Amino acid sequence: MTTKGQPGRVVRIDDDTWADYGKLCEEKGIARAADVRMYVKREVAAWRKANGTEAPKRKVVVRRKKPADGSD
C-alpha cells in the first residue's frame, strides 16, 4: 500500500529481523514505514551535503474546489 501517491518499494528483510524491528518501532511510537523513510531521507541528505548536491525542487500541487452547481 502506498500513501500520498508515492510509489511503493519492495524491500526484503528476514522475518525475525522484521518482527523485532516492528517491536522497536512500536516502542518508539512510529510505524516501520515512517521510520524507514526518515532513515533514508537522513542518509540521502547527508550524502547530498557531502557531495555538494542540491535536493530536487518539490512539485506543488494546488487543488481547486469546483464551483457549486447553479452559481454564476
PDB file of N, CA and C in Angstrom:
ATOM      1  N   MET A   1       0.847  -1.180   0.000  1.00  0.00           N
ATOM      2  CA  MET A   1       0.000   0.000   0.000  1.00  0.00           C
ATOM      3  C   MET A   1       0.891   1.241   0.000  1.00  0.00           C
ATOM      4  N   THR A   2       0.483   2.265  -0.693  1.00  0.00           N
ATOM      5  CA  THR A   2       1.251   3.494  -0.729  1.00  0.00           C
ATOM      6  C   THR A   2       0.446   4.625  -0.114  1.00  0.00           C
ATOM      7  N   THR A   3       1.161   5.684   0.263  1.00  0.00           N
ATOM      8  CA  THR A   3       0.495   6.845   0.823  1.00  0.00           C
ATOM      9  C   THR A   3       0.840   8.068  -0.003  1.00  0.00           C
ATOM     10  N   LYS A   4      -0.071   9.002  -0.055  1.00  0.00           N
ATOM     11  CA  LYS A   4       0.142  10.283  -0.723  1.00  0.00           C
ATOM     12  C   LYS A   4       0.626  10.127  -2.153  1.00  0.00           C
ATOM     13  N   GLY A   5       0.202   9.090  -2.822  1.00  0.00           N
ATOM     14  CA  GLY A   5       0.530   8.932  -4.223  1.00  0.00           C
ATOM     15  C   GLY A   5       1.963   8.556  -4.524  1.00  0.00           C
ATOM     16  N   GLN A   6       2.732   8.199  -3.525  1.00  0.00           N
ATOM     17  CA  GLN A   6       4.128   7.808  -3.746  1.00  0.00           C
ATOM     18  C   GLN A   6       4.189   6.351  -4.185  1.00  0.00           C
ATOM     19  N   PRO A   7       5.137   6.020  -5.058  1.00  0.00           N
ATOM     20  CA  PRO A   7       5.248   4.625  -5.483  1.00  0.00           C
ATOM     21  C   PRO A   7       5.734   3.735  -4.342  1.00  0.00           C
ATOM     22  N   GLY A   8       5.263   2.499  -4.315  1.00  0.00           N
ATOM     23  CA  GLY A   8       5.711   1.547  -3.315  1.00  0.00           C
ATOM     24  C   GLY A   8       7.058   0.967  -3.707  1.00  0.00           C
ATOM     25  N   ARG A   9       7.797   0.477  -2.731  1.00  0.00           N
ATOM     26  CA  ARG A   9       9.095  -0.143  -2.962  1.00  0.00           C
ATOM     27  C   ARG A   9       9.101  -1.506  -2.293  1.00  0.00           C
ATOM     28  N   VAL A  10       9.849  -2.425  -2.866  1.00  0.00           N
ATOM     29  CA  VAL A  10       9.980  -3.756  -2.277  1.00  0.00           C
ATOM     30  C   VAL A  10      11.318  -3.828  -1.564  1.00  0.00           C
ATOM     31  N   VAL A  11      11.281  -4.206  -0.295  1.00  0.00           N
ATOM     32  CA  VAL A  11      12.494  -4.388   0.492  1.00  0.00           C
ATOM     33  C   VAL A  11      12.419  -5.770   1.109  1.00  0.00           C
ATOM     34  N   ARG A  12      13.481  -6.542   0.971  1.00  0.00           N
ATOM     35  CA  ARG A  12      13.479  -7.898   1.516  1.00  0.00           C
ATOM     36  C   ARG A  12      14.267  -7.928   2.820  1.00  0.00           C
ATOM     37  N   ILE A  13      13.578  -8.312   3.894  1.00  0.00           N
ATOM     38  CA  ILE A  13      14.176  -8.398   5.227  1.00  0.00           C
ATOM     39  C   ILE A  13      13.683  -9.697   5.843  1.00  0.00           C
ATOM     40  N   ASP A  14      14.588 -10.423   6.495  1.00  0.00           N
ATOM     41  CA  ASP A  14      14.180 -11.705   7.072  1.00  0.00           C
ATOM     42  C   ASP A  14      13.108 -11.498   8.148  1.00  0.00           C
ATOM     43  N   ASP A  15      12.308 -12.534   8.363  1.00  0.00           N
ATOM     44  CA  ASP A  15      11.140 -12.452   9.256  1.00  0.00           C
ATOM     45  C   ASP A  15      11.500 -12.078  10.689  1.00  0.00           C
ATOM     46  N   ASP A  16      12.573 -12.669  11.235  1.00  0.00           N
ATOM     47  CA  ASP A  16      12.943 -12.381  12.632  1.00  0.00           C
ATOM     48  C   ASP A  16      13.341 -10.919  12.806  1.00  0.00           C
ATOM     49  N   THR A  17      14.142 -10.414  11.884  1.00  0.00           N
ATOM     50  CA  THR A  17      14.564  -9.017  11.962  1.00  0.00           C
ATOM     51  C   THR A  17      13.370  -8.091  11.804  1.00  0.00           C
ATOM     52  N   TRP A  18      12.472  -8.407  10.875  1.00  0.00           N
ATOM     53  CA  TRP A  18      11.288  -7.574  10.637  1.00  0.00           C
ATOM     54  C   TRP A  18      10.379  -7.552  11.864  1.00  0.00           C
ATOM     55  N   ALA A  19      10.222  -8.695  12.505  1.00  0.00           N
ATOM     56  CA  ALA A  19       9.380  -8.764  13.704  1.00  0.00           C
ATOM     57  C   ALA A  19       9.985  -7.929  14.835  1.00  0.00           C
ATOM     58  N   ASP A  20      11.289  -8.061  15.051  1.00  0.00           N
ATOM     59  CA  ASP A  20      11.942  -7.280  16.108  1.00  0.00           C
ATOM     60  C   ASP A  20      11.939  -5.794  15.776  1.00  0.00           C
ATOM     61  N   TYR A  21      12.078  -5.467  14.498  1.00  0.00           N
ATOM     62  CA  TYR A  21      12.016  -4.070  14.083  1.00  0.00           C
ATOM     63  C   TYR A  21      10.623  -3.504  14.366  1.00  0.00           C
ATOM     64  N   GLY A  22       9.600  -4.322  14.174  1.00  0.00           N
ATOM     65  CA  GLY A  22       8.240  -3.906  14.498  1.00  0.00           C
ATOM     66  C   GLY A  22       8.090  -3.590  15.978  1.00  0.00           C
ATOM     67  N   LYS A  23       8.688  -4.419  16.830  1.00  0.00           N
ATOM     68  CA  LYS A  23       8.652  -4.168  18.279  1.00  0.00           C
ATOM     69  C   LYS A  23       9.392  -2.876  18.625  1.00  0.00           C
ATOM     70  N   LEU A  24      10.564  -2.694  18.013  1.00  0.00           N
ATOM     71  CA  LEU A  24      11.358  -1.488  18.247  1.00  0.00           C
ATOM     72  C   LEU A  24      10.559  -0.243  17.858  1.00  0.00           C
ATOM     73  N   CYS A  25       9.947  -0.268  16.677  1.00  0.00           N
ATOM     74  CA  CYS A  25       9.170   0.875  16.208  1.00  0.00           C
ATOM     75  C   CYS A  25       7.948   1.111  17.085  1.00  0.00           C
ATOM     76  N   GLU A  26       7.334   0.041  17.558  1.00  0.00           N
ATOM     77  CA  GLU A  26       6.185   0.190  18.456  1.00  0.00           C
ATOM     78  C   GLU A  26       6.608   0.905  19.735  1.00  0.00           C
ATOM     79  N   GLU A  27       7.777   0.550  20.270  1.00  0.00           N
ATOM     80  CA  GLU A  27       8.285   1.220  21.466  1.00  0.00           C
ATOM     81  C   GLU A  27       8.565   2.693  21.193  1.00  0.00           C
ATOM     82  N   LYS A  28       9.009   2.995  19.972  1.00  0.00           N
ATOM     83  CA  LYS A  28       9.275   4.379  19.582  1.00  0.00           C
ATOM     84  C   LYS A  28       7.990   5.132  19.253  1.00  0.00           C
ATOM     85  N   GLY A  29       6.893   4.385  19.072  1.00  0.00           N
ATOM     86  CA  GLY A  29       5.607   5.001  18.747  1.00  0.00           C
ATOM     87  C   GLY A  29       5.520   5.460  17.305  1.00  0.00           C
ATOM     88  N   ILE A  30       6.161   4.716  16.409  1.00  0.00           N
ATOM     89  CA  ILE A  30       6.177   5.094  14.999  1.00  0.00           C
ATOM     90  C   ILE A  30       6.013   3.850  14.138  1.00  0.00           C
ATOM     91  N   ALA A  31       5.419   4.014  12.969  1.00  0.00           N
ATOM     92  CA  ALA A  31       5.258   2.893  12.048  1.00  0.00           C
ATOM     93  C   ALA A  31       6.604   2.553  11.410  1.00  0.00           C
ATOM     94  N   ARG A  32       6.795   1.290  11.076  1.00  0.00           N
ATOM     95  CA  ARG A  32       8.046   0.872  10.431  1.00  0.00           C
ATOM     96  C   ARG A  32       8.298   1.653   9.157  1.00  0.00           C
ATOM     97  N   ALA A  33       7.263   1.814   8.338  1.00  0.00           N
ATOM     98  CA  ALA A  33       7.431   2.510   7.062  1.00  0.00           C
ATOM     99  C   ALA A  33       7.894   3.947   7.277  1.00  0.00           C
ATOM    100  N   ALA A  34       7.322   4.631   8.246  1.00  0.00           N
ATOM    101  CA  ALA A  34       7.724   6.008   8.535  1.00  0.00           C
ATOM    102  C   ALA A  34       9.169   6.056   9.021  1.00  0.00           C
ATOM    103  N   ASP A  35       9.554   5.106   9.849  1.00  0.00           N
ATOM    104  CA  ASP A  35      10.919   5.055  10.363  1.00  0.00           C
ATOM    105  C   ASP A  35      11.922   4.815   9.235  1.00  0.00           C
ATOM    106  N   VAL A  36      11.595   3.909   8.329  1.00  0.00           N
ATOM    107  CA  VAL A  36      12.467   3.631   7.189  1.00  0.00           C
ATOM    108  C   VAL A  36      12.588   4.885   6.320  1.00  0.00           C
ATOM    109  N   ARG A  37      11.459   5.559   6.040  1.00  0.00           N
ATOM    110  CA  ARG A  37      11.509   6.775   5.219  1.00  0.00           C
ATOM    111  C   ARG A  37      12.376   7.850   5.861  1.00  0.00           C
ATOM    112  N   MET A  38      12.241   8.038   7.182  1.00  0.00           N
ATOM    113  CA  MET A  38      13.050   9.046   7.867  1.00  0.00           C
ATOM    114  C   MET A  38      14.533   8.699   7.791  1.00  0.00           C
ATOM    115  N   TYR A  39      14.870   7.428   7.973  1.00  0.00           N
ATOM    116  CA  TYR A  39      16.257   6.997   7.891  1.00  0.00           C
ATOM    117  C   TYR A  39      16.836   7.269   6.506  1.00  0.00           C
ATOM    118  N   VAL A  40      16.091   6.883   5.481  1.00  0.00           N
ATOM    119  CA  VAL A  40      16.563   7.075   4.106  1.00  0.00           C
ATOM    120  C   VAL A  40      16.742   8.566   3.816  1.00  0.00           C
ATOM    121  N   LYS A  41      15.799   9.399   4.235  1.00  0.00           N
ATOM    122  CA  LYS A  41      15.909  10.839   3.998  1.00  0.00           C
ATOM    123  C   LYS A  41      17.134  11.429   4.696  1.00  0.00           C
ATOM    124  N   ARG A  42      17.414  11.000   5.940  1.00  0.00           N
ATOM    125  CA  ARG A  42      18.605  11.487   6.654  1.00  0.00           C
ATOM    126  C   ARG A  42      19.879  11.094   5.928  1.00  0.00           C
ATOM    127  N   GLU A  43      19.945   9.840   5.490  1.00  0.00           N
ATOM    128  CA  GLU A  43      21.138   9.356   4.796  1.00  0.00           C
ATOM    129  C   GLU A  43      21.358  10.093   3.478  1.00  0.00           C
ATOM    130  N   VAL A  44      20.283  10.290   2.718  1.00  0.00           N
ATOM    131  CA  VAL A  44      20.403  10.979   1.428  1.00  0.00           C
ATOM    132  C   VAL A  44      20.771  12.447   1.642  1.00  0.00           C
ATOM    133  N   ALA A  45      20.190  13.086   2.651  1.00  0.00           N
ATOM    134  CA  ALA A  45      20.527  14.488   2.928  1.00  0.00           C
ATOM    135  C   ALA A  45      22.008  14.618   3.282  1.00  0.00           C
ATOM    136  N   ALA A  46      22.532  13.705   4.096  1.00  0.00           N
ATOM    137  CA  ALA A  46      23.955  13.730   4.462  1.00  0.00           C
ATOM    138  C   ALA A  46      24.829  13.486   3.238  1.00  0.00           C
ATOM    139  N   TRP A  47      24.425  12.573   2.387  1.00  0.00           N
ATOM    140  CA  TRP A  47      25.178  12.276   1.167  1.00  0.00           C
ATOM    141  C   TRP A  47      25.192  13.480   0.233  1.00  0.00           C
ATOM    142  N   ARG A  48      24.012  14.116   0.078  1.00  0.00           N
ATOM    143  CA  ARG A  48      23.937  15.306  -0.772  1.00  0.00           C
ATOM    144  C   ARG A  48      24.831  16.415  -0.234  1.00  0.00           C
ATOM    145  N   LYS A  49      24.805  16.609   1.080  1.00  0.00           N
ATOM    146  CA  LYS A  49      25.616  17.653   1.700  1.00  0.00           C
ATOM    147  C   LYS A  49      27.103  17.378   1.473  1.00  0.00           C
ATOM    148  N   ALA A  50      27.519  16.138   1.643  1.00  0.00           N
ATOM    149  CA  ALA A  50      28.921  15.767   1.450  1.00  0.00           C
ATOM    150  C   ALA A  50      29.365  15.921   0.009  1.00  0.00           C
ATOM    151  N   ASN A  51      28.448  15.761  -0.924  1.00  0.00           N
ATOM    152  CA  ASN A  51      28.778  15.837  -2.345  1.00  0.00           C
ATOM    153  C   ASN A  51      28.398  17.167  -2.990  1.00  0.00           C
ATOM    154  N   GLY A  52      27.888  18.091  -2.198  1.00  0.00           N
ATOM    155  CA  GLY A  52      27.503  19.393  -2.732  1.00  0.00           C
ATOM    156  C   GLY A  52      26.357  19.334  -3.714  1.00  0.00           C
ATOM    157  N   THR A  53      25.472  18.378  -3.534  1.00  0.00           N
ATOM    158  CA  THR A  53      24.334  18.195  -4.423  1.00  0.00           C
ATOM    159  C   THR A  53      23.087  18.786  -3.783  1.00  0.00           C
ATOM    160  N   GLU A  54      22.316  19.536  -4.568  1.00  0.00           N
ATOM    161  CA  GLU A  54      21.067  20.090  -4.050  1.00  0.00           C
ATOM    162  C   GLU A  54      19.917  19.110  -4.265  1.00  0.00           C
ATOM    163  N   ALA A  55      18.990  19.144  -3.346  1.00  0.00           N
ATOM    164  CA  ALA A  55      17.788  18.316  -3.491  1.00  0.00           C
ATOM    165  C   ALA A  55      16.949  18.861  -4.634  1.00  0.00           C
ATOM    166  N   PRO A  56      16.280  17.999  -5.385  1.00  0.00           N
ATOM    167  CA  PRO A  56      15.405  18.486  -6.461  1.00  0.00           C
ATOM    168  C   PRO A  56      14.254  19.301  -5.884  1.00  0.00           C
ATOM    169  N   LYS A  57      13.793  20.255  -6.667  1.00  0.00           N
ATOM    170  CA  LYS A  57      12.661  21.086  -6.240  1.00  0.00           C
ATOM    171  C   LYS A  57      11.412  20.230  -6.143  1.00  0.00           C
ATOM    172  N   ARG A  58      10.634  20.465  -5.091  1.00  0.00           N
ATOM    173  CA  ARG A  58       9.389  19.715  -4.913  1.00  0.00           C
ATOM    174  C   ARG A  58       8.307  20.306  -5.789  1.00  0.00           C
ATOM    175  N   LYS A  59       7.476  19.435  -6.321  1.00  0.00           N
ATOM    176  CA  LYS A  59       6.329  19.880  -7.117  1.00  0.00           C
ATOM    177  C   LYS A  59       5.218  20.287  -6.157  1.00  0.00           C
ATOM    178  N   VAL A  60       4.603  21.417  -6.432  1.00  0.00           N
ATOM    179  CA  VAL A  60       3.490  21.887  -5.625  1.00  0.00           C
ATOM    180  C   VAL A  60       2.216  21.674  -6.421  1.00  0.00           C
ATOM    181  N   VAL A  61       1.281  20.954  -5.838  1.00  0.00           N
ATOM    182  CA  VAL A  61       0.005  20.691  -6.498  1.00  0.00           C
ATOM    183  C   VAL A  61      -1.067  21.500  -5.779  1.00  0.00           C
ATOM    184  N   VAL A  62      -1.760  22.343  -6.528  1.00  0.00           N
ATOM    185  CA  VAL A  62      -2.835  23.155  -5.968  1.00  0.00           C
ATOM    186  C   VAL A  62      -4.153  22.549  -6.404  1.00  0.00           C
ATOM    187  N   ARG A  63      -4.954  22.171  -5.448  1.00  0.00           N
ATOM    188  CA  ARG A  63      -6.270  21.607  -5.747  1.00  0.00           C
ATOM    189  C   ARG A  63      -7.308  22.707  -5.606  1.00  0.00           C
ATOM    190  N   ARG A  64      -8.061  22.887  -6.646  1.00  0.00           N
ATOM    191  CA  ARG A  64      -9.097  23.920  -6.638  1.00  0.00           C
ATOM    192  C   ARG A  64     -10.458  23.285  -6.430  1.00  0.00           C
ATOM    193  N   LYS A  65     -11.272  23.958  -5.644  1.00  0.00           N
ATOM    194  CA  LYS A  65     -12.627  23.469  -5.416  1.00  0.00           C
ATOM    195  C   LYS A  65     -13.467  23.765  -6.638  1.00  0.00           C
ATOM    196  N   LYS A  66     -14.355  22.831  -6.948  1.00  0.00           N
ATOM    197  CA  LYS A  66     -15.282  23.053  -8.050  1.00  0.00           C
ATOM    198  C   LYS A  66     -16.363  24.012  -7.577  1.00  0.00           C
ATOM    199  N   PRO A  67     -16.816  24.918  -8.446  1.00  0.00           N
ATOM    200  CA  PRO A  67     -17.901  25.845  -8.042  1.00  0.00           C
ATOM    201  C   PRO A  67     -19.180  25.056  -7.774  1.00  0.00           C
ATOM    202  N   ALA A  68     -19.968  25.579  -6.875  1.00  0.00           N
ATOM    203  CA  ALA A  68     -21.261  24.935  -6.559  1.00  0.00           C
ATOM    204  C   ALA A  68     -22.176  24.986  -7.753  1.00  0.00           C
ATOM    205  N   ASP A  69     -23.041  23.990  -7.894  1.00  0.00           N
ATOM    206  CA  ASP A  69     -23.989  23.943  -9.023  1.00  0.00           C
ATOM    207  C   ASP A  69     -24.912  25.164  -8.969  1.00  0.00           C
ATOM    208  N   GLY A  70     -25.156  25.748 -10.130  1.00  0.00           N
ATOM    209  CA  GLY A  70     -26.085  26.860 -10.239  1.00  0.00           C
ATOM    210  C   GLY A  70     -25.473  28.204  -9.884  1.00  0.00           C
ATOM    211  N   SER A  71     -24.214  28.253  -9.510  1.00  0.00           N
ATOM    212  CA  SER A  71     -23.628  29.556  -9.192  1.00  0.00           C
ATOM    213  C   SER A  71     -22.978  30.157 -10.436  1.00  0.00           C
ATOM    214  N   ASP A  72     -23.126  31.443 -10.610  1.00  0.00           N
ATOM    215  CA  ASP A  72     -22.558  32.115 -11.795  1.00  0.00           C
ATOM    216  C   ASP A  72     -21.581  33.159 -11.361  1.00  0.00           C
TER     217      ASP A  72
END
